[in-house]
Amino acid sequence: MAQTRGGSRREERIDITWDYEVCAWARHFNTSQQRVKEAVQAVGNRADHVREHLAATAGRRPGAGDRPSAA
């Protein structure tokens, strides 16, 4: 995370209006772009909140934690 002048951490934010950013976060979280968008809609755009939401909901639906294959 980036540091601000005061030394405190700046929260990372996910902007779902940019496809390339959603794609990057999906790869970071090892999940689908759709799940990233759903998580942002559910808990807001702070990356730490999205991470927690994805972890908490990974087993709630079939294939929910799976990233689509590249094949």
PDB file of N, CA and C in Angstrom:
ATOM      1  N   MET A   1       0.831  -1.193   0.000  1.00  0.00           N
ATOM      2  CA  MET A   1       0.000   0.000   0.000  1.00  0.00           C
ATOM      3  C   MET A   1       0.865   1.243   0.000  1.00  0.00           C
ATOM      4  N   ALA A   2       0.344   2.262  -0.576  1.00  0.00           N
ATOM      5  CA  ALA A   2       1.087   3.519  -0.632  1.00  0.00           C
ATOM      6  C   ALA A   2       1.014   4.249   0.707  1.00  0.00           C
ATOM      7  N   GLN A   3       2.049   4.982   0.985  1.00  0.00           N
ATOM      8  CA  GLN A   3       2.100   5.775   2.211  1.00  0.00           C
ATOM      9  C   GLN A   3       1.739   7.223   1.891  1.00  0.00           C
ATOM     10  N   THR A   4       1.057   7.871   2.786  1.00  0.00           N
ATOM     11  CA  THR A   4       0.754   9.284   2.630  1.00  0.00           C
ATOM     12  C   THR A   4       1.790  10.088   3.395  1.00  0.00           C
ATOM     13  N   ARG A   5       1.729  11.390   3.287  1.00  0.00           N
ATOM     14  CA  ARG A   5       2.703  12.247   3.952  1.00  0.00           C
ATOM     15  C   ARG A   5       2.777  12.022   5.453  1.00  0.00           C
ATOM     16  N   GLY A   6       1.659  11.823   6.080  1.00  0.00           N
ATOM     17  CA  GLY A   6       1.631  11.633   7.525  1.00  0.00           C
ATOM     18  C   GLY A   6       2.081  10.258   7.962  1.00  0.00           C
ATOM     19  N   GLY A   7       2.389   9.379   7.005  1.00  0.00           N
ATOM     20  CA  GLY A   7       2.848   8.049   7.358  1.00  0.00           C
ATOM     21  C   GLY A   7       1.729   7.036   7.475  1.00  0.00           C
ATOM     22  N   SER A   8       0.482   7.462   7.405  1.00  0.00           N
ATOM     23  CA  SER A   8      -0.626   6.514   7.483  1.00  0.00           C
ATOM     24  C   SER A   8      -0.851   5.885   6.116  1.00  0.00           C
ATOM     25  N   ARG A   9      -1.433   4.720   6.122  1.00  0.00           N
ATOM     26  CA  ARG A   9      -1.680   4.019   4.863  1.00  0.00           C
ATOM     27  C   ARG A   9      -2.916   4.571   4.168  1.00  0.00           C
ATOM     28  N   ARG A  10      -2.818   4.663   2.862  1.00  0.00           N
ATOM     29  CA  ARG A  10      -3.947   5.069   2.027  1.00  0.00           C
ATOM     30  C   ARG A  10      -4.674   3.798   1.616  1.00  0.00           C
ATOM     31  N   GLU A  11      -5.986   3.768   1.812  1.00  0.00           N
ATOM     32  CA  GLU A  11      -6.750   2.598   1.409  1.00  0.00           C
ATOM     33  C   GLU A  11      -6.787   2.510  -0.107  1.00  0.00           C
ATOM     34  N   GLU A  12      -6.601   1.292  -0.603  1.00  0.00           N
ATOM     35  CA  GLU A  12      -6.708   1.076  -2.037  1.00  0.00           C
ATOM     36  C   GLU A  12      -8.180   0.978  -2.392  1.00  0.00           C
ATOM     37  N   ARG A  13      -8.533   1.580  -3.496  1.00  0.00           N
ATOM     38  CA  ARG A  13      -9.916   1.605  -3.964  1.00  0.00           C
ATOM     39  C   ARG A  13     -10.027   0.897  -5.302  1.00  0.00           C
ATOM     40  N   ILE A  14     -11.154   0.247  -5.528  1.00  0.00           N
ATOM     41  CA  ILE A  14     -11.416  -0.464  -6.773  1.00  0.00           C
ATOM     42  C   ILE A  14     -12.461   0.316  -7.555  1.00  0.00           C
ATOM     43  N   ASP A  15     -12.102   0.750  -8.746  1.00  0.00           N
ATOM     44  CA  ASP A  15     -13.015   1.503  -9.604  1.00  0.00           C
ATOM     45  C   ASP A  15     -13.563   0.557 -10.659  1.00  0.00           C
ATOM     46  N   ILE A  16     -14.803   0.108 -10.487  1.00  0.00           N
ATOM     47  CA  ILE A  16     -15.376  -0.880 -11.404  1.00  0.00           C
ATOM     48  C   ILE A  16     -15.841  -0.277 -12.729  1.00  0.00           C
ATOM     49  N   THR A  17     -15.671   1.025 -12.898  1.00  0.00           N
ATOM     50  CA  THR A  17     -16.030   1.634 -14.183  1.00  0.00           C
ATOM     51  C   THR A  17     -14.932   1.433 -15.217  1.00  0.00           C
ATOM     52  N   TRP A  18     -13.759   0.990 -14.792  1.00  0.00           N
ATOM     53  CA  TRP A  18     -12.637   0.740 -15.707  1.00  0.00           C
ATOM     54  C   TRP A  18     -12.420  -0.764 -15.817  1.00  0.00           C
ATOM     55  N   ASP A  19     -12.698  -1.314 -17.003  1.00  0.00           N
ATOM     56  CA  ASP A  19     -12.577  -2.760 -17.212  1.00  0.00           C
ATOM     57  C   ASP A  19     -11.183  -3.287 -16.901  1.00  0.00           C
ATOM     58  N   TYR A  20     -10.147  -2.535 -17.301  1.00  0.00           N
ATOM     59  CA  TYR A  20      -8.785  -3.019 -17.056  1.00  0.00           C
ATOM     60  C   TYR A  20      -8.507  -3.109 -15.555  1.00  0.00           C
ATOM     61  N   GLU A  21      -9.096  -2.224 -14.761  1.00  0.00           N
ATOM     62  CA  GLU A  21      -8.875  -2.256 -13.325  1.00  0.00           C
ATOM     63  C   GLU A  21      -9.607  -3.434 -12.695  1.00  0.00           C
ATOM     64  N   VAL A  22     -10.825  -3.698 -13.144  1.00  0.00           N
ATOM     65  CA  VAL A  22     -11.572  -4.852 -12.644  1.00  0.00           C
ATOM     66  C   VAL A  22     -10.815  -6.134 -12.985  1.00  0.00           C
ATOM     67  N   CYS A  23     -10.281  -6.197 -14.188  1.00  0.00           N
ATOM     68  CA  CYS A  23      -9.505  -7.364 -14.610  1.00  0.00           C
ATOM     69  C   CYS A  23      -8.277  -7.546 -13.710  1.00  0.00           C
ATOM     70  N   ALA A  24      -7.569  -6.474 -13.423  1.00  0.00           N
ATOM     71  CA  ALA A  24      -6.382  -6.547 -12.581  1.00  0.00           C
ATOM     72  C   ALA A  24      -6.738  -7.006 -11.166  1.00  0.00           C
ATOM     73  N   TRP A  25      -7.802  -6.477 -10.606  1.00  0.00           N
ATOM     74  CA  TRP A  25      -8.203  -6.881  -9.255  1.00  0.00           C
ATOM     75  C   TRP A  25      -8.687  -8.331  -9.245  1.00  0.00           C
ATOM     76  N   ALA A  26      -9.380  -8.752 -10.296  1.00  0.00           N
ATOM     77  CA  ALA A  26      -9.827 -10.148 -10.373  1.00  0.00           C
ATOM     78  C   ALA A  26      -8.623 -11.086 -10.364  1.00  0.00           C
ATOM     79  N   ARG A  27      -7.579 -10.734 -11.091  1.00  0.00           N
ATOM     80  CA  ARG A  27      -6.367 -11.546 -11.084  1.00  0.00           C
ATOM     81  C   ARG A  27      -5.704 -11.503  -9.706  1.00  0.00           C
ATOM     82  N   HIS A  28      -5.703 -10.332  -9.091  1.00  0.00           N
ATOM     83  CA  HIS A  28      -5.109 -10.187  -7.762  1.00  0.00           C
ATOM     84  C   HIS A  28      -5.819 -11.073  -6.740  1.00  0.00           C
ATOM     85  N   PHE A  29      -7.149 -11.085  -6.786  1.00  0.00           N
ATOM     86  CA  PHE A  29      -7.943 -11.867  -5.836  1.00  0.00           C
ATOM     87  C   PHE A  29      -8.150 -13.309  -6.297  1.00  0.00           C
ATOM     88  N   ASN A  30      -7.659 -13.635  -7.509  1.00  0.00           N
ATOM     89  CA  ASN A  30      -7.837 -14.966  -8.083  1.00  0.00           C
ATOM     90  C   ASN A  30      -9.310 -15.354  -8.152  1.00  0.00           C
ATOM     91  N   THR A  31     -10.092 -14.491  -8.751  1.00  0.00           N
ATOM     92  CA  THR A  31     -11.520 -14.720  -8.905  1.00  0.00           C
ATOM     93  C   THR A  31     -11.972 -14.109 -10.228  1.00  0.00           C
ATOM     94  N   SER A  32     -13.251 -14.158 -10.494  1.00  0.00           N
ATOM     95  CA  SER A  32     -13.769 -13.612 -11.750  1.00  0.00           C
ATOM     96  C   SER A  32     -14.036 -12.112 -11.626  1.00  0.00           C
ATOM     97  N   GLN A  33     -14.093 -11.463 -12.756  1.00  0.00           N
ATOM     98  CA  GLN A  33     -14.411 -10.033 -12.789  1.00  0.00           C
ATOM     99  C   GLN A  33     -15.817  -9.796 -12.247  1.00  0.00           C
ATOM    100  N   GLN A  34     -16.731 -10.694 -12.554  1.00  0.00           N
ATOM    101  CA  GLN A  34     -18.108 -10.558 -12.069  1.00  0.00           C
ATOM    102  C   GLN A  34     -18.160 -10.580 -10.550  1.00  0.00           C
ATOM    103  N   ARG A  35     -17.379 -11.474  -9.930  1.00  0.00           N
ATOM    104  CA  ARG A  35     -17.370 -11.530  -8.459  1.00  0.00           C
ATOM    105  C   ARG A  35     -16.782 -10.270  -7.856  1.00  0.00           C
ATOM    106  N   VAL A  36     -15.769  -9.696  -8.508  1.00  0.00           N
ATOM    107  CA  VAL A  36     -15.204  -8.436  -8.012  1.00  0.00           C
ATOM    108  C   VAL A  36     -16.278  -7.348  -8.065  1.00  0.00           C
ATOM    109  N   LYS A  37     -16.990  -7.252  -9.173  1.00  0.00           N
ATOM    110  CA  LYS A  37     -18.052  -6.239  -9.306  1.00  0.00           C
ATOM    111  C   LYS A  37     -19.147  -6.454  -8.268  1.00  0.00           C
ATOM    112  N   GLU A  38     -19.553  -7.704  -8.070  1.00  0.00           N
ATOM    113  CA  GLU A  38     -20.588  -8.003  -7.070  1.00  0.00           C
ATOM    114  C   GLU A  38     -20.120  -7.633  -5.669  1.00  0.00           C
ATOM    115  N   ALA A  39     -18.872  -7.917  -5.370  1.00  0.00           N
ATOM    116  CA  ALA A  39     -18.326  -7.602  -4.045  1.00  0.00           C
ATOM    117  C   ALA A  39     -18.274  -6.097  -3.822  1.00  0.00           C
ATOM    118  N   VAL A  40     -17.853  -5.352  -4.832  1.00  0.00           N
ATOM    119  CA  VAL A  40     -17.814  -3.883  -4.702  1.00  0.00           C
ATOM    120  C   VAL A  40     -19.224  -3.349  -4.488  1.00  0.00           C
ATOM    121  N   GLN A  41     -20.189  -3.893  -5.194  1.00  0.00           N
ATOM    122  CA  GLN A  41     -21.569  -3.441  -5.005  1.00  0.00           C
ATOM    123  C   GLN A  41     -22.084  -3.794  -3.620  1.00  0.00           C
ATOM    124  N   ALA A  42     -21.599  -4.901  -3.065  1.00  0.00           N
ATOM    125  CA  ALA A  42     -22.072  -5.346  -1.747  1.00  0.00           C
ATOM    126  C   ALA A  42     -21.419  -4.602  -0.588  1.00  0.00           C
ATOM    127  N   VAL A  43     -20.104  -4.339  -0.686  1.00  0.00           N
ATOM    128  CA  VAL A  43     -19.390  -3.796   0.480  1.00  0.00           C
ATOM    129  C   VAL A  43     -18.667  -2.480   0.227  1.00  0.00           C
ATOM    130  N   GLY A  44     -18.740  -1.967  -0.991  1.00  0.00           N
ATOM    131  CA  GLY A  44     -18.045  -0.723  -1.294  1.00  0.00           C
ATOM    132  C   GLY A  44     -16.737  -0.982  -2.018  1.00  0.00           C
ATOM    133  N   ASN A  45     -16.013   0.077  -2.323  1.00  0.00           N
ATOM    134  CA  ASN A  45     -14.856  -0.053  -3.197  1.00  0.00           C
ATOM    135  C   ASN A  45     -13.503  -0.180  -2.495  1.00  0.00           C
ATOM    136  N   ARG A  46     -13.494  -0.276  -1.186  1.00  0.00           N
ATOM    137  CA  ARG A  46     -12.204  -0.470  -0.480  1.00  0.00           C
ATOM    138  C   ARG A  46     -11.729  -1.902  -0.693  1.00  0.00           C
ATOM    139  N   ALA A  47     -10.496  -2.038  -1.173  1.00  0.00           N
ATOM    140  CA  ALA A  47      -9.949  -3.346  -1.503  1.00  0.00           C
ATOM    141  C   ALA A  47      -9.932  -4.293  -0.312  1.00  0.00           C
ATOM    142  N   ASP A  48      -9.646  -3.787   0.878  1.00  0.00           N
ATOM    143  CA  ASP A  48      -9.619  -4.667   2.047  1.00  0.00           C
ATOM    144  C   ASP A  48     -11.002  -5.220   2.362  1.00  0.00           C
ATOM    145  N   HIS A  49     -12.038  -4.415   2.182  1.00  0.00           N
ATOM    146  CA  HIS A  49     -13.403  -4.890   2.408  1.00  0.00           C
ATOM    147  C   HIS A  49     -13.808  -5.905   1.344  1.00  0.00           C
ATOM    148  N   VAL A  50     -13.423  -5.649   0.104  1.00  0.00           N
ATOM    149  CA  VAL A  50     -13.725  -6.586  -0.983  1.00  0.00           C
ATOM    150  C   VAL A  50     -13.025  -7.915  -0.725  1.00  0.00           C
ATOM    151  N   ARG A  51     -11.768  -7.876  -0.310  1.00  0.00           N
ATOM    152  CA  ARG A  51     -11.008  -9.091  -0.001  1.00  0.00           C
ATOM    153  C   ARG A  51     -11.720  -9.916   1.075  1.00  0.00           C
ATOM    154  N   GLU A  52     -12.153  -9.257   2.143  1.00  0.00           N
ATOM    155  CA  GLU A  52     -12.855  -9.952   3.223  1.00  0.00           C
ATOM    156  C   GLU A  52     -14.170 -10.543   2.738  1.00  0.00           C
ATOM    157  N   HIS A  53     -14.902  -9.789   1.925  1.00  0.00           N
ATOM    158  CA  HIS A  53     -16.183 -10.266   1.403  1.00  0.00           C
ATOM    159  C   HIS A  53     -15.979 -11.492   0.515  1.00  0.00           C
ATOM    160  N   LEU A  54     -14.992 -11.436  -0.363  1.00  0.00           N
ATOM    161  CA  LEU A  54     -14.732 -12.569  -1.249  1.00  0.00           C
ATOM    162  C   LEU A  54     -14.351 -13.810  -0.446  1.00  0.00           C
ATOM    163  N   ALA A  55     -13.556 -13.637   0.588  1.00  0.00           N
ATOM    164  CA  ALA A  55     -13.154 -14.773   1.425  1.00  0.00           C
ATOM    165  C   ALA A  55     -14.358 -15.354   2.164  1.00  0.00           C
ATOM    166  N   ALA A  56     -15.228 -14.478   2.647  1.00  0.00           N
ATOM    167  CA  ALA A  56     -16.385 -14.923   3.422  1.00  0.00           C
ATOM    168  C   ALA A  56     -17.439 -15.609   2.561  1.00  0.00           C
ATOM    169  N   THR A  57     -17.514 -15.260   1.292  1.00  0.00           N
ATOM    170  CA  THR A  57     -18.557 -15.800   0.425  1.00  0.00           C
ATOM    171  C   THR A  57     -18.029 -16.844  -0.557  1.00  0.00           C
ATOM    172  N   ALA A  58     -16.787 -17.242  -0.440  1.00  0.00           N
ATOM    173  CA  ALA A  58     -16.179 -18.164  -1.401  1.00  0.00           C
ATOM    174  C   ALA A  58     -16.911 -19.499  -1.512  1.00  0.00           C
ATOM    175  N   GLY A  59     -17.435 -20.019  -0.432  1.00  0.00           N
ATOM    176  CA  GLY A  59     -18.071 -21.332  -0.472  1.00  0.00           C
ATOM    177  C   GLY A  59     -19.579 -21.312  -0.531  1.00  0.00           C
ATOM    178  N   ARG A  60     -20.178 -20.177  -0.718  1.00  0.00           N
ATOM    179  CA  ARG A  60     -21.637 -20.082  -0.638  1.00  0.00           C
ATOM    180  C   ARG A  60     -22.381 -20.506  -1.896  1.00  0.00           C
ATOM    181  N   ARG A  61     -21.709 -20.542  -3.029  1.00  0.00           N
ATOM    182  CA  ARG A  61     -22.369 -21.003  -4.253  1.00  0.00           C
ATOM    183  C   ARG A  61     -21.387 -21.829  -5.060  1.00  0.00           C
ATOM    184  N   PRO A  62     -21.902 -22.757  -5.863  1.00  0.00           N
ATOM    185  CA  PRO A  62     -20.992 -23.600  -6.642  1.00  0.00           C
ATOM    186  C   PRO A  62     -20.106 -22.772  -7.556  1.00  0.00           C
ATOM    187  N   GLY A  63     -18.803 -23.024  -7.503  1.00  0.00           N
ATOM    188  CA  GLY A  63     -17.866 -22.333  -8.367  1.00  0.00           C
ATOM    189  C   GLY A  63     -17.598 -20.899  -7.983  1.00  0.00           C
ATOM    190  N   ALA A  64     -18.091 -20.463  -6.845  1.00  0.00           N
ATOM    191  CA  ALA A  64     -17.984 -19.065  -6.462  1.00  0.00           C
ATOM    192  C   ALA A  64     -16.548 -18.616  -6.264  1.00  0.00           C
ATOM    193  N   GLY A  65     -15.693 -19.505  -5.805  1.00  0.00           N
ATOM    194  CA  GLY A  65     -14.315 -19.105  -5.566  1.00  0.00           C
ATOM    195  C   GLY A  65     -13.400 -19.371  -6.739  1.00  0.00           C
ATOM    196  N   ASP A  66     -13.955 -19.929  -7.790  1.00  0.00           N
ATOM    197  CA  ASP A  66     -13.141 -20.314  -8.928  1.00  0.00           C
ATOM    198  C   ASP A  66     -12.985 -19.187  -9.923  1.00  0.00           C
ATOM    199  N   ARG A  67     -11.779 -19.020 -10.348  1.00  0.00           N
ATOM    200  CA  ARG A  67     -11.493 -18.072 -11.412  1.00  0.00           C
ATOM    201  C   ARG A  67     -11.721 -18.792 -12.731  1.00  0.00           C
ATOM    202  N   PRO A  68     -12.301 -18.135 -13.725  1.00  0.00           N
ATOM    203  CA  PRO A  68     -12.521 -18.821 -14.993  1.00  0.00           C
ATOM    204  C   PRO A  68     -11.188 -19.242 -15.605  1.00  0.00           C
ATOM    205  N   SER A  69     -11.184 -20.398 -16.234  1.00  0.00           N
ATOM    206  CA  SER A  69      -9.930 -20.877 -16.811  1.00  0.00           C
ATOM    207  C   SER A  69      -9.590 -20.101 -18.063  1.00  0.00           C
ATOM    208  N   ALA A  70      -8.326 -20.064 -18.386  1.00  0.00           N
ATOM    209  CA  ALA A  70      -7.854 -19.352 -19.562  1.00  0.00           C
ATOM    210  C   ALA A  70      -8.006 -20.200 -20.820  1.00  0.00           C
ATOM    211  N   ALA A  71      -8.330 -21.466 -20.665  1.00  0.00           N
ATOM    212  CA  ALA A  71      -8.431 -22.373 -21.822  1.00  0.00           C
ATOM    213  C   ALA A  71      -9.687 -22.195 -22.594  1.00  0.00           C
TER     214      ALA A  71
END
